[in-house]
Protein backbone atom coordinates (compact mmCIF):
# COMPACT_ATOMS: atom_id res chain seq x y z
CA MET A 1 35.69 -8.56 -19.36
CA ASP A 2 32.14 -7.48 -18.42
CA VAL A 3 30.34 -9.58 -15.84
CA PRO A 4 26.53 -9.96 -16.21
CA MET A 5 24.64 -7.73 -13.77
CA ALA A 6 22.63 -10.60 -12.29
CA ARG A 7 25.80 -12.35 -11.10
CA THR A 8 27.32 -9.31 -9.38
CA GLN A 9 24.18 -8.42 -7.41
CA SER A 10 23.80 -9.75 -3.91
CA PRO A 11 20.78 -12.06 -3.74
CA ASP A 12 17.30 -10.77 -3.01
CA ASP A 13 15.69 -11.98 0.19
CA LEU A 14 12.60 -13.15 -1.69
CA ILE A 15 11.31 -13.40 -5.24
CA VAL A 16 7.67 -14.22 -5.97
CA GLU A 17 6.61 -15.08 -9.50
CA ALA A 18 2.87 -14.98 -10.32
CA ALA A 19 0.49 -15.26 -13.25
CA ALA A 20 -0.03 -11.50 -13.02
CA ILE A 21 1.08 -8.58 -10.85
CA VAL A 22 -1.43 -5.75 -10.48
CA THR A 23 0.83 -2.88 -9.42
CA VAL A 24 -1.61 0.07 -8.96
CA ASP A 25 1.42 2.22 -9.88
CA PRO A 26 1.15 5.58 -11.72
CA GLY A 27 1.24 3.77 -15.06
CA TRP A 28 -1.33 1.16 -13.97
CA ARG A 29 1.09 -1.56 -15.06
CA ILE A 30 -0.04 -5.17 -15.04
CA LEU A 31 2.80 -7.65 -15.45
CA SER A 32 1.49 -10.93 -16.84
CA PRO A 33 3.30 -13.07 -15.91
CA GLY A 34 5.46 -11.08 -13.55
CA TYR A 35 7.79 -11.19 -10.58
CA ILE A 36 8.45 -9.08 -7.50
CA ALA A 37 11.72 -9.08 -5.56
CA VAL A 38 12.19 -8.10 -1.91
CA LYS A 39 15.34 -7.01 -0.15
CA ASP A 40 15.65 -5.44 3.31
CA ARG A 41 11.84 -5.39 3.64
CA ARG A 42 11.31 -3.27 0.54
CA ILE A 43 10.58 -3.97 -3.11
CA SER A 44 13.93 -4.19 -4.85
CA ALA A 45 12.68 -5.04 -8.36
CA LEU A 46 9.63 -6.11 -10.33
CA GLY A 47 8.98 -6.82 -13.96
CA PRO A 48 8.25 -9.60 -16.46
CA ALA A 49 8.70 -13.09 -15.02
CA ALA A 50 11.51 -13.92 -17.44
CA GLU A 51 13.64 -11.13 -15.95
CA GLY A 52 13.04 -12.40 -12.45
CA ARG A 53 14.50 -15.76 -13.35
CA LEU A 54 17.83 -14.07 -14.02
CA ARG A 55 18.05 -12.83 -10.42
CA SER A 56 19.25 -14.85 -7.45
CA ALA A 57 17.26 -15.02 -4.23
CA LYS A 58 17.47 -16.61 -0.80
CA ARG A 59 13.87 -17.74 -1.22
CA ARG A 60 11.80 -18.12 -4.36
CA VAL A 61 8.03 -18.67 -4.62
CA GLU A 62 6.41 -19.71 -7.88
CA ALA A 63 2.66 -19.15 -8.10
CA PRO A 64 1.64 -19.71 -11.73
CA ARG A 65 -2.05 -20.02 -10.78
CA ALA A 66 -2.26 -16.92 -8.58
CA PHE A 67 -2.06 -13.18 -9.08
CA LEU A 68 -0.30 -10.68 -6.84
CA MET A 69 -1.52 -7.23 -5.79
CA PRO A 70 -0.92 -4.64 -3.05
CA GLY A 71 -2.32 -5.50 0.35
CA MET A 72 -5.67 -3.96 1.22
CA VAL A 73 -5.71 -0.87 3.47
CA ASN A 74 -8.63 -0.72 5.92
CA THR A 75 -8.86 2.90 7.06
CA HIS A 76 -11.24 2.55 10.02
CA THR A 77 -11.93 -0.26 12.49
CA HIS A 78 -12.66 -1.09 16.12
CA ILE A 79 -11.28 -4.62 15.95
CA SER A 80 -11.78 -5.57 19.60
CA MET A 81 -15.54 -5.28 19.14
CA ALA A 82 -15.34 -8.72 17.52
CA ALA A 83 -16.54 -10.10 20.87
CA PHE A 84 -19.93 -8.41 20.33
CA ARG A 85 -20.51 -9.13 16.64
CA GLY A 86 -24.19 -9.70 15.88
CA ALA A 87 -25.47 -8.48 19.25
CA CYS A 88 -28.78 -6.60 19.33
CA GLU A 89 -29.07 -5.91 15.63
CA ASP A 90 -31.75 -3.90 13.82
CA ILE A 91 -32.74 -1.56 16.65
CA PRO A 92 -32.81 2.25 16.64
CA ASN A 93 -30.30 4.20 18.75
CA ARG A 94 -28.04 1.16 18.97
CA LEU A 95 -25.01 3.26 19.92
CA THR A 96 -26.49 4.56 23.17
CA LYS A 97 -28.84 1.66 23.92
CA VAL A 98 -26.42 -1.19 23.25
CA ILE A 99 -22.85 -0.29 22.34
CA PHE A 100 -21.99 2.12 25.15
CA PRO A 101 -23.48 -0.17 27.86
CA LEU A 102 -21.70 -3.23 26.39
CA GLU A 103 -18.39 -1.42 26.47
CA ARG A 104 -18.93 0.05 29.91
CA ASP A 105 -19.71 -3.29 31.52
CA LEU A 106 -17.77 -5.89 29.50
CA VAL A 107 -14.64 -4.38 27.96
CA THR A 108 -11.45 -5.38 29.79
CA ARG A 109 -7.78 -5.64 28.85
CA ASP A 110 -8.16 -9.38 28.33
CA LEU A 111 -11.20 -9.04 26.07
CA THR A 112 -9.52 -6.28 24.09
CA TYR A 113 -6.37 -8.30 23.42
CA TRP A 114 -7.95 -11.62 22.45
CA SER A 115 -10.74 -10.02 20.42
CA ALA A 116 -8.13 -7.98 18.56
CA LEU A 117 -6.11 -11.11 17.71
CA TYR A 118 -9.28 -12.83 16.56
CA CYS A 119 -10.21 -9.97 14.25
CA LEU A 120 -6.64 -9.63 13.00
CA ALA A 121 -6.81 -13.21 11.77
CA GLU A 122 -9.98 -12.45 9.85
CA MET A 123 -8.53 -9.30 8.33
CA ALA A 124 -5.12 -10.70 7.44
CA ARG A 125 -6.48 -13.93 5.98
CA SER A 126 -8.69 -11.87 3.64
CA GLY A 127 -5.81 -9.71 2.44
CA THR A 128 -5.65 -6.65 4.70
CA THR A 129 -2.08 -5.64 5.42
CA THR A 130 -2.63 -2.19 6.98
CA PHE A 131 -5.48 -0.85 9.10
CA ALA A 132 -6.47 2.09 11.29
CA ASP A 133 -8.15 1.39 14.61
CA MET A 134 -9.61 3.39 17.49
CA TYR A 135 -10.73 1.81 20.74
CA TYR A 136 -10.02 1.46 24.46
CA PHE A 137 -6.93 -0.21 25.95
CA GLU A 138 -5.34 0.52 22.59
CA ASP A 139 -2.00 -0.66 23.93
CA GLU A 140 -3.51 -4.16 24.01
CA VAL A 141 -4.56 -3.74 20.38
CA ALA A 142 -0.97 -2.72 19.62
CA LYS A 143 0.39 -5.85 21.33
CA ALA A 144 -1.95 -8.04 19.28
CA THR A 145 -1.09 -6.21 16.05
CA ASP A 146 2.62 -6.60 16.72
CA LYS A 147 2.17 -10.33 17.31
CA ALA A 148 0.14 -10.75 14.12
CA GLY A 149 2.70 -8.82 12.06
CA LEU A 150 0.29 -6.29 10.54
CA ARG A 151 0.85 -2.59 9.93
CA ALA A 152 -1.43 -0.12 11.70
CA ILE A 153 -2.26 3.36 12.88
CA LEU A 154 -3.84 2.94 16.31
CA GLY A 155 -5.75 5.62 18.19
CA GLU A 156 -6.65 5.70 21.87
CA THR A 157 -10.30 6.77 22.12
CA VAL A 158 -11.17 9.92 24.05
CA LEU A 159 -14.69 10.42 25.43
CA GLY A 160 -16.29 13.15 27.49
CA HIS A 161 -17.69 10.54 29.86
CA ALA A 162 -16.19 7.55 31.66
CA ALA A 163 -14.75 4.82 29.43
CA PRO A 164 -13.60 1.23 30.07
CA ASP A 165 -9.99 2.37 30.48
CA ALA A 166 -10.65 5.85 31.92
CA PRO A 167 -12.92 6.24 34.98
CA GLU A 168 -13.32 9.98 34.41
CA GLY A 169 -14.36 11.91 31.32
CA TYR A 170 -11.45 12.86 29.06
CA GLY A 171 -9.16 10.46 30.92
CA GLY A 172 -8.39 9.02 27.50
CA ILE A 173 -6.09 11.99 26.84
CA ASP A 174 -3.67 10.96 29.59
CA TYR A 175 -3.99 7.31 28.53
CA ALA A 176 -3.19 8.34 24.96
CA ARG A 177 -0.07 10.26 26.02
CA ASN A 178 1.33 7.14 27.67
CA PHE A 179 0.31 4.93 24.76
CA ILE A 180 1.99 7.24 22.25
CA ARG A 181 5.15 7.41 24.36
CA ASP A 182 5.38 3.63 24.67
CA TRP A 183 4.78 2.81 21.00
CA ASP A 184 6.47 5.74 19.29
CA GLY A 185 9.07 4.57 16.80
CA HIS A 186 7.69 1.08 16.24
CA PRO A 187 8.46 -0.03 12.65
CA ARG A 188 4.87 -1.04 11.83
CA ILE A 189 2.64 0.60 14.46
CA GLU A 190 1.95 4.33 14.60
CA PRO A 191 0.07 5.55 17.72
CA CYS A 192 -2.25 8.55 17.60
CA LEU A 193 -5.13 10.39 19.29
CA ALA A 194 -8.75 9.43 18.62
CA PRO A 195 -11.46 11.74 19.97
CA HIS A 196 -14.66 9.77 19.52
CA ALA A 197 -16.91 12.36 17.82
CA PRO A 198 -17.96 16.03 17.98
CA TYR A 199 -21.01 15.05 20.03
CA THR A 200 -18.99 13.20 22.71
CA VAL A 201 -15.95 15.51 22.93
CA ASP A 202 -16.50 19.24 23.48
CA ALA A 203 -14.76 22.08 21.66
CA GLU A 204 -12.42 22.84 24.56
CA HIS A 205 -11.06 19.31 24.67
CA LEU A 206 -10.92 19.02 20.88
CA ALA A 207 -8.70 22.12 20.93
CA GLN A 208 -6.56 20.47 23.61
CA ILE A 209 -6.27 17.32 21.48
CA VAL A 210 -5.12 19.43 18.50
CA ARG A 211 -2.40 20.98 20.68
CA GLU A 212 -1.33 17.55 21.98
CA ALA A 213 -1.21 16.11 18.45
CA LYS A 214 1.01 18.96 17.26
CA LYS A 215 3.27 18.66 20.30
CA LEU A 216 3.64 14.89 19.91
CA ASP A 217 3.58 15.03 16.09
CA VAL A 218 0.85 12.40 15.75
CA LYS A 219 -2.31 12.04 13.71
CA ILE A 220 -5.92 12.43 14.86
CA MET A 221 -8.83 10.21 13.83
CA MET A 222 -12.49 10.93 14.63
CA HIS A 223 -16.02 10.02 13.56
CA VAL A 224 -17.34 13.08 11.69
CA ALA A 225 -20.79 13.91 10.29
CA GLU A 226 -22.06 10.37 10.85
CA MET A 227 -25.27 10.80 12.88
CA ASP A 228 -28.54 12.59 12.07
CA PHE A 229 -28.76 14.14 15.56
CA GLU A 230 -25.14 15.30 15.21
CA HIS A 231 -26.00 16.94 11.89
CA GLU A 232 -29.04 18.69 13.35
CA LYS A 233 -27.18 19.96 16.43
CA PHE A 234 -24.13 21.36 14.69
CA SER A 235 -26.08 22.73 11.73
CA ARG A 236 -27.83 24.97 14.26
CA LEU A 237 -24.54 25.91 15.92
CA GLY A 238 -22.26 26.38 12.94
CA GLY A 239 -24.03 25.62 9.67
CA SER A 240 -22.80 22.01 9.50
CA VAL A 241 -20.69 19.56 11.47
CA LEU A 242 -17.63 20.33 9.36
CA ARG A 243 -18.04 24.09 9.58
CA TYR A 244 -18.43 23.80 13.36
CA LEU A 245 -15.18 21.80 13.54
CA ASP A 246 -13.48 24.44 11.39
CA SER A 247 -14.07 26.91 14.22
CA ILE A 248 -11.60 24.91 16.35
CA PRO A 249 -8.16 26.17 15.26
CA GLY A 250 -6.03 23.55 13.54
CA LEU A 251 -8.50 20.66 13.77
CA LEU A 252 -9.38 20.48 10.10
CA SER A 253 -6.01 19.72 8.60
CA PRO A 254 -4.06 16.91 6.89
CA ARG A 255 -3.45 15.58 10.41
CA LEU A 256 -7.14 14.58 10.72
CA LEU A 257 -8.63 11.35 9.38
CA ALA A 258 -12.37 12.07 9.26
CA VAL A 259 -14.44 8.89 9.38
CA HIS A 260 -17.85 8.50 7.68
CA MET A 261 -18.51 12.08 6.41
CA LEU A 262 -22.14 11.48 5.43
CA TYR A 263 -23.84 14.82 6.06
CA LEU A 264 -21.97 17.09 3.66
CA ASP A 265 -23.03 19.80 1.24
CA ASP A 266 -20.94 21.26 -1.56
CA ALA A 267 -19.45 23.88 0.79
CA ASP A 268 -18.33 21.11 3.16
CA ILE A 269 -16.71 19.16 0.33
CA ASN A 270 -14.80 22.25 -0.77
CA LEU A 271 -13.81 22.96 2.85
CA ALA A 272 -12.50 19.40 3.27
CA ALA A 273 -10.37 19.83 0.16
CA GLN A 274 -9.09 23.26 1.21
CA ARG A 275 -8.05 22.04 4.66
CA GLY A 276 -6.35 18.91 3.34
CA LEU A 277 -8.68 16.59 5.25
CA ARG A 278 -8.39 12.82 4.77
CA VAL A 279 -11.48 10.59 4.73
CA ALA A 280 -12.30 6.98 5.68
CA HIS A 281 -15.41 5.81 3.84
CA CYS A 282 -17.43 2.97 5.43
CA PRO A 283 -20.16 2.04 2.91
CA ALA A 284 -21.20 -1.27 4.45
CA SER A 285 -21.67 -0.14 8.05
CA ASN A 286 -23.43 3.06 6.97
CA ALA A 287 -25.83 1.09 4.76
CA LYS A 288 -26.49 -1.40 7.54
CA SER A 289 -27.46 1.50 9.83
CA GLY A 290 -29.81 2.97 7.23
CA ARG A 291 -27.76 6.16 6.95
CA LEU A 292 -26.98 8.41 4.03
CA ILE A 293 -24.53 7.42 1.32
CA CYS A 294 -21.29 9.34 1.65
CA PRO A 295 -20.59 11.59 -1.38
CA ALA A 296 -17.33 9.71 -1.78
CA SER A 297 -16.89 10.22 -5.51
CA ARG A 298 -17.45 13.96 -5.09
CA LEU A 299 -14.85 14.11 -2.31
CA GLN A 300 -12.41 12.29 -4.60
CA SER A 301 -13.17 14.65 -7.48
CA ALA A 302 -12.45 17.58 -5.17
CA GLY A 303 -9.02 16.09 -4.43
CA VAL A 304 -9.72 14.73 -0.95
CA PRO A 305 -7.67 11.58 -0.19
CA LEU A 306 -10.23 8.84 0.45
CA GLY A 307 -9.82 5.24 1.56
CA LEU A 308 -12.28 2.43 2.22
CA ALA A 309 -13.08 0.85 5.58
CA THR A 310 -15.10 -1.95 7.10
CA ASP A 311 -15.78 -0.11 10.39
CA GLY A 312 -15.90 -2.37 13.45
CA PRO A 313 -17.26 -5.93 13.58
CA LEU A 314 -20.30 -4.73 15.53
CA SER A 315 -21.07 -2.05 12.92
CA GLY A 316 -20.13 -3.61 9.60
CA ASN A 317 -19.83 -7.20 10.89
CA GLY A 318 -17.65 -8.52 8.05
CA MET A 319 -14.03 -7.44 8.43
CA ASP A 320 -12.88 -8.38 4.94
CA MET A 321 -12.21 -5.54 2.55
CA GLN A 322 -13.65 -7.47 -0.39
CA GLY A 323 -17.21 -6.83 0.80
CA VAL A 324 -16.56 -3.11 1.13
CA LEU A 325 -14.69 -2.92 -2.17
CA ASN A 326 -17.59 -4.65 -3.94
CA LEU A 327 -20.17 -2.31 -2.38
CA PHE A 328 -18.31 0.98 -2.81
CA PRO A 329 -18.75 1.55 -6.57
CA LYS A 330 -22.27 0.12 -6.57
CA MET A 331 -23.52 2.56 -3.94
CA GLN A 332 -21.82 5.51 -5.60
CA LYS A 333 -23.51 4.55 -8.89
CA VAL A 334 -26.86 4.47 -7.08
CA ARG A 335 -26.21 7.77 -5.32
CA GLU A 336 -25.17 9.61 -8.48
CA GLY A 337 -27.43 7.73 -10.90
CA ARG A 338 -24.48 7.03 -13.19
CA ARG A 339 -23.18 3.64 -14.25
CA ASP A 340 -19.84 5.10 -15.32
CA ILE A 341 -18.93 6.65 -11.97
CA VAL A 342 -16.23 4.93 -9.88
CA THR A 343 -14.77 2.48 -12.35
CA ALA A 344 -13.40 -0.86 -11.15
CA ARG A 345 -9.86 0.47 -11.52
CA GLU A 346 -10.69 3.50 -9.36
CA ALA A 347 -12.28 1.24 -6.76
CA VAL A 348 -9.17 -0.97 -6.54
CA ARG A 349 -7.10 2.16 -6.04
CA ALA A 350 -9.37 3.32 -3.19
CA ALA A 351 -8.89 0.00 -1.39
CA THR A 352 -5.10 0.14 -1.72
CA LEU A 353 -3.24 3.32 -2.62
CA GLY A 354 -6.24 5.54 -1.76
CA GLY A 355 -6.30 4.06 1.73
CA ALA A 356 -2.57 4.60 2.06
CA GLU A 357 -3.03 8.25 1.05
CA ALA A 358 -5.83 8.67 3.59
CA LEU A 359 -3.51 7.36 6.31
CA GLY A 360 -0.53 9.39 5.11
CA LEU A 361 1.43 6.23 4.27
CA ASP A 362 1.41 6.38 0.48
CA GLY A 363 5.15 7.00 0.33
CA ASP A 364 5.67 3.49 1.70
CA ILE A 365 2.64 1.34 0.84
CA GLY A 366 -0.49 1.07 -1.31
CA SER A 367 1.13 0.28 -4.66
CA LEU A 368 3.86 -2.03 -5.87
CA GLU A 369 6.82 0.15 -6.79
CA ILE A 370 10.56 -0.18 -6.28
CA GLY A 371 11.55 1.26 -2.91
CA LYS A 372 8.16 0.83 -1.27
CA LYS A 373 7.62 -1.59 1.59
CA ALA A 374 6.95 -5.16 0.52
CA ASP A 375 3.27 -5.45 1.47
CA PHE A 376 1.38 -7.64 -1.01
CA ILE A 377 -1.00 -10.57 -1.28
CA LEU A 378 -1.26 -13.68 -3.46
CA VAL A 379 -4.76 -14.52 -4.73
CA ASP A 380 -5.78 -17.95 -6.00
CA LEU A 381 -7.04 -18.07 -9.58
CA ASP A 382 -8.30 -21.65 -9.41
CA ASP A 383 -11.80 -21.18 -8.06
CA PHE A 384 -15.28 -21.02 -9.53
CA ASN A 385 -16.04 -17.49 -8.36
CA ILE A 386 -12.98 -15.87 -9.94
CA GLN A 387 -12.82 -17.35 -13.45
CA PRO A 388 -12.79 -16.37 -16.24
CA VAL A 389 -10.62 -13.25 -15.96
CA TYR A 390 -11.05 -10.69 -18.75
CA ASP A 391 -10.23 -7.58 -16.72
CA TRP A 392 -8.08 -7.73 -13.58
CA TYR A 393 -9.69 -4.73 -11.89
CA SER A 394 -13.24 -5.97 -12.45
CA THR A 395 -12.22 -9.39 -11.15
CA ILE A 396 -10.78 -7.87 -7.96
CA VAL A 397 -13.79 -5.63 -7.30
CA TYR A 398 -16.73 -7.79 -8.30
CA ALA A 399 -15.56 -11.43 -8.20
CA MET A 400 -12.77 -11.79 -5.63
CA ARG A 401 -13.76 -13.10 -2.20
CA PRO A 402 -11.85 -13.49 1.09
CA HIS A 403 -11.30 -17.21 0.65
CA ASN A 404 -9.34 -16.58 -2.56
CA VAL A 405 -6.41 -15.07 -0.63
CA ILE A 406 -3.63 -17.66 -0.24
CA SER A 407 -0.70 -15.75 1.25
CA VAL A 408 -0.08 -12.30 2.73
CA TYR A 409 3.32 -10.59 2.95
CA ILE A 410 4.15 -7.54 5.10
CA ASP A 411 7.68 -6.14 4.96
CA GLY A 412 8.38 -9.25 2.90
CA ASP A 413 7.46 -11.53 5.81
CA GLU A 414 4.75 -14.10 5.18
CA VAL A 415 2.17 -13.35 7.88
CA VAL A 416 -0.41 -15.63 6.22
CA ALA A 417 0.84 -18.82 4.58
CA GLN A 418 -1.60 -21.14 2.85
CA ARG A 419 -4.51 -19.34 4.54
CA ARG A 420 -3.14 -19.69 8.09
CA MET A 421 -1.60 -17.08 10.39
CA THR A 422 2.11 -17.55 11.02
CA GLY A 423 2.57 -15.23 14.02
CA PHE A 424 0.26 -17.02 16.44
CA ASP A 425 -1.89 -20.11 16.87
CA GLN A 426 -5.16 -19.13 15.21
CA ASP A 427 -6.93 -22.20 16.61
CA GLU A 428 -6.12 -21.12 20.16
CA VAL A 429 -7.45 -17.63 19.41
CA PHE A 430 -10.64 -19.17 18.02
CA ARG A 431 -11.10 -21.14 21.25
CA ARG A 432 -10.50 -18.03 23.35
CA MET A 433 -13.18 -16.14 21.45
CA GLY A 434 -15.62 -18.95 22.20
CA GLN A 435 -14.92 -18.50 25.92
CA ILE A 436 -15.33 -14.72 25.69
CA ALA A 437 -18.61 -15.13 23.83
CA ASP A 438 -19.89 -17.47 26.53
CA ASP A 439 -19.03 -14.86 29.16
CA CYS A 440 -20.82 -12.10 27.21
CA ALA A 441 -23.92 -14.06 26.18
CA LYS A 442 -25.97 -13.64 29.37
CA TYR A 443 -25.44 -9.88 29.48
CA ILE A 444 -26.29 -9.49 25.78
CA SER A 445 -29.42 -11.57 26.23
CA ARG A 446 -30.50 -9.34 29.11
CA ILE A 447 -30.18 -6.08 27.15
CA SER A 448 -31.59 -7.45 23.89
CA PRO A 449 -35.04 -6.13 22.98
CA ALA A 450 -37.86 -8.67 23.29
């Protein structure tokens, strides 16, 4: 006698049933209502809600007034800069006049750790499940990330001059070696090398970083073609920033995540595609700095994997991906003068699967498919800003806000439950940030322009 399949299966670890599941899979399936099942940290099944009710599970969540989607992927941050958010805004040359001095004089291990936890709460509670970060004392960022339960690619910053964690120029390379050794093999955290920019790291050391990355089999992330002075300098030297970097053997490759990519011509876009470059697009921080609009849609059309990013909390200020996702298609429409460019569906993909592709993680995350890691978020439908829903993609891009996120799951673990972090005491972290801000306030007041 045949036994029904549902009864012979071992139970799933978790089943979540929702009003809709936006999968971002190759078929763009939307299951309404739908369910997703998790077993051994991966998606074991998904489909219409009625099918999910035939399966057994150790834990079952019913969310009839919420929809479920892949977690957001933030492809570029400096999360420990949360301590300096809002300092010395609206001044020219802010990087050299404000940011470098702030970091030189105020960044410590303690500040890095607590500021990272603070920013992780903001990101997770707004639906980010994976992020890429580059900063100093990146091992402290890794400790905070591990505690929060998020997934990340973390890069130790390398500068040609002294840094908070390296008293001599290029000391970040040795620091990075140790960081990579200590965190290699972590299930959610991938360490890498992060030369700051072509204008702060010379060609000789960029070549050394390429050799180190190949030897250690890690990724590289770097700010590229972001600044006007950078564009002018390297246009004289090599035709453009990207063509200059192409003169360094092996640098332009799928191993490199190029951040910003503002000053590009058609030859640069073709070069990026030919070399398999990956791009992190930061529309909000670039707009706030009065810079060019990245030709993001043209990079995508050329086949360059492109994800969205907030940048750091001193550059873009808001660390929720909703603000960036909302701005991305609007600015591309302005840049290209076309209302039909970057549809809402394409924008949602850039914030999820596109980001995963840019980070080289699309085999595991970015869409909801059987076998992928169980990273997803539940979004409340019962709020004034989100109703009515006629098109799920338009709702996500143009209506959804951070406060709509109810729960966040990573590897099937609920890292945000009912809008609160589960891995640490978010109220304690909030208090710690208040103390750090008090310590920083006098210094910031002293360097602020009159």
